[in-house]
Amino acid sequence: MTYYKQLHPWCIIRVSVNQHLVEQQECEECCSSVEDDDSHVVARFRKHNDAAAYLRVLQNSSKDIKFLIIFDFQGVGEKVKS
């Protein structure tokens, strides 16, 4: 995980059709189906409030596409190379 990603853990991701179907079938595991792939990450933020405000802008501008806010904690267990 890069330093930028560590400083900006709140992510807005674009949910694809396949992920949306998985989310409907397995509601408890919807966030685990999201991979840490930057092609789905729309934006990163330091604060949840900033991410929520931008999510509202995205939802108003594109009603057909679904977006989610997630907290990216993937880098917590990574080893630091010295």
C-alpha atoms as a PDB file:
ATOM      1  CA  MET A   1       0.000   0.000   0.000  1.00  0.00           C
ATOM      2  CA  THR A   2       1.444   3.341  -1.023  1.00  0.00           C
ATOM      3  CA  TYR A   3       1.847   6.263   1.332  1.00  0.00           C
ATOM      4  CA  TYR A   4      -0.890   8.170  -0.488  1.00  0.00           C
ATOM      5  CA  LYS A   5      -3.311   5.270   0.047  1.00  0.00           C
ATOM      6  CA  GLN A   6      -2.390   5.123   3.717  1.00  0.00           C
ATOM      7  CA  LEU A   7      -3.177   8.828   4.103  1.00  0.00           C
ATOM      8  CA  HIS A   8      -6.457   8.567   2.159  1.00  0.00           C
ATOM      9  CA  PRO A   9      -8.231   5.428   3.438  1.00  0.00           C
ATOM     10  CA  TRP A  10     -11.809   6.437   2.548  1.00  0.00           C
ATOM     11  CA  CYS A  11     -12.565   5.296  -1.015  1.00  0.00           C
ATOM     12  CA  ILE A  12     -15.486   5.780  -3.333  1.00  0.00           C
ATOM     13  CA  ILE A  13     -15.747   2.789  -5.594  1.00  0.00           C
ATOM     14  CA  ARG A  14     -17.866   2.194  -8.655  1.00  0.00           C
ATOM     15  CA  VAL A  15     -19.864  -1.010  -8.278  1.00  0.00           C
ATOM     16  CA  SER A  16     -19.996  -3.129 -11.410  1.00  0.00           C
ATOM     17  CA  VAL A  17     -23.034  -5.195 -12.395  1.00  0.00           C
ATOM     18  CA  ASN A  18     -21.454  -8.457 -11.149  1.00  0.00           C
ATOM     19  CA  GLN A  19     -20.586  -6.955  -7.776  1.00  0.00           C
ATOM     20  CA  HIS A  20     -24.099  -5.512  -7.471  1.00  0.00           C
ATOM     21  CA  LEU A  21     -25.596  -9.003  -7.973  1.00  0.00           C
ATOM     22  CA  VAL A  22     -23.264 -10.475  -5.364  1.00  0.00           C
ATOM     23  CA  GLU A  23     -24.255  -7.704  -2.978  1.00  0.00           C
ATOM     24  CA  GLN A  24     -27.938  -8.504  -3.382  1.00  0.00           C
ATOM     25  CA  GLN A  25     -27.388 -12.233  -2.795  1.00  0.00           C
ATOM     26  CA  GLU A  26     -24.924 -12.009   0.102  1.00  0.00           C
ATOM     27  CA  CYS A  27     -25.638  -8.810   1.971  1.00  0.00           C
ATOM     28  CA  GLU A  28     -23.326  -9.614   4.892  1.00  0.00           C
ATOM     29  CA  GLU A  29     -20.300 -10.004   2.627  1.00  0.00           C
ATOM     30  CA  CYS A  30     -20.848  -7.133   0.168  1.00  0.00           C
ATOM     31  CA  CYS A  31     -17.677  -5.274   1.148  1.00  0.00           C
ATOM     32  CA  SER A  32     -15.522  -8.401   0.997  1.00  0.00           C
ATOM     33  CA  SER A  33     -16.477  -8.909  -2.651  1.00  0.00           C
ATOM     34  CA  VAL A  34     -14.823  -5.608  -3.538  1.00  0.00           C
ATOM     35  CA  GLU A  35     -11.256  -6.124  -4.670  1.00  0.00           C
ATOM     36  CA  ASP A  36      -8.486  -3.594  -4.029  1.00  0.00           C
ATOM     37  CA  ASP A  37      -8.273  -2.689  -7.691  1.00  0.00           C
ATOM     38  CA  ASP A  38      -7.695   0.965  -8.532  1.00  0.00           C
ATOM     39  CA  SER A  39      -9.734   0.591 -11.723  1.00  0.00           C
ATOM     40  CA  HIS A  40     -12.858   0.594  -9.532  1.00  0.00           C
ATOM     41  CA  VAL A  41     -11.702   3.325  -7.154  1.00  0.00           C
ATOM     42  CA  VAL A  42     -13.167   6.655  -8.243  1.00  0.00           C
ATOM     43  CA  ALA A  43     -11.603   8.831  -5.547  1.00  0.00           C
ATOM     44  CA  ARG A  44      -9.784   8.662  -2.198  1.00  0.00           C
ATOM     45  CA  PHE A  45     -10.260  10.927   0.811  1.00  0.00           C
ATOM     46  CA  ARG A  46      -8.792  11.441   4.252  1.00  0.00           C
ATOM     47  CA  LYS A  47     -12.137  12.176   5.890  1.00  0.00           C
ATOM     48  CA  HIS A  48     -15.430  10.301   5.675  1.00  0.00           C
ATOM     49  CA  ASN A  49     -17.362  13.585   5.439  1.00  0.00           C
ATOM     50  CA  ASP A  50     -15.454  14.563   2.295  1.00  0.00           C
ATOM     51  CA  ALA A  51     -16.145  11.159   0.743  1.00  0.00           C
ATOM     52  CA  ALA A  52     -19.850  11.379   1.606  1.00  0.00           C
ATOM     53  CA  ALA A  53     -20.139  14.846   0.059  1.00  0.00           C
ATOM     54  CA  TYR A  54     -18.476  13.705  -3.166  1.00  0.00           C
ATOM     55  CA  LEU A  55     -20.645  10.579  -3.211  1.00  0.00           C
ATOM     56  CA  ARG A  56     -23.733  12.816  -3.255  1.00  0.00           C
ATOM     57  CA  VAL A  57     -22.299  14.727  -6.231  1.00  0.00           C
ATOM     58  CA  LEU A  58     -21.617  11.478  -8.106  1.00  0.00           C
ATOM     59  CA  GLN A  59     -25.074  10.082  -7.375  1.00  0.00           C
ATOM     60  CA  ASN A  60     -26.737  13.268  -8.593  1.00  0.00           C
ATOM     61  CA  SER A  61     -24.699  13.390 -11.781  1.00  0.00           C
ATOM     62  CA  SER A  62     -25.051   9.724 -12.762  1.00  0.00           C
ATOM     63  CA  LYS A  63     -28.199   8.032 -11.534  1.00  0.00           C
ATOM     64  CA  ASP A  64     -27.573   4.728 -13.380  1.00  0.00           C
ATOM     65  CA  ILE A  65     -24.255   3.893 -11.715  1.00  0.00           C
ATOM     66  CA  LYS A  66     -23.978   2.706  -8.123  1.00  0.00           C
ATOM     67  CA  PHE A  67     -21.143   3.931  -5.891  1.00  0.00           C
ATOM     68  CA  LEU A  68     -20.083   2.844  -2.408  1.00  0.00           C
ATOM     69  CA  ILE A  69     -17.888   4.341   0.285  1.00  0.00           C
ATOM     70  CA  ILE A  70     -15.442   1.888   1.840  1.00  0.00           C
ATOM     71  CA  PHE A  71     -12.634   2.174   4.364  1.00  0.00           C
ATOM     72  CA  ASP A  72      -9.507   0.626   2.842  1.00  0.00           C
ATOM     73  CA  PHE A  73      -7.671  -1.154   5.628  1.00  0.00           C
ATOM     74  CA  GLN A  74      -5.748  -3.593   3.412  1.00  0.00           C
ATOM     75  CA  GLY A  75      -2.357  -2.052   4.111  1.00  0.00           C
ATOM     76  CA  VAL A  76      -2.439  -2.550   7.888  1.00  0.00           C
ATOM     77  CA  GLY A  77      -0.938  -6.043   7.818  1.00  0.00           C
ATOM     78  CA  GLU A  78       1.613  -5.467   5.058  1.00  0.00           C
ATOM     79  CA  LYS A  79       5.293  -5.821   5.863  1.00  0.00           C
ATOM     80  CA  VAL A  80       7.437  -2.737   5.644  1.00  0.00           C
ATOM     81  CA  LYS A  81      10.580  -3.259   3.571  1.00  0.00           C
ATOM     82  CA  SER A  82      13.674  -1.829   5.171  1.00  0.00           C
END
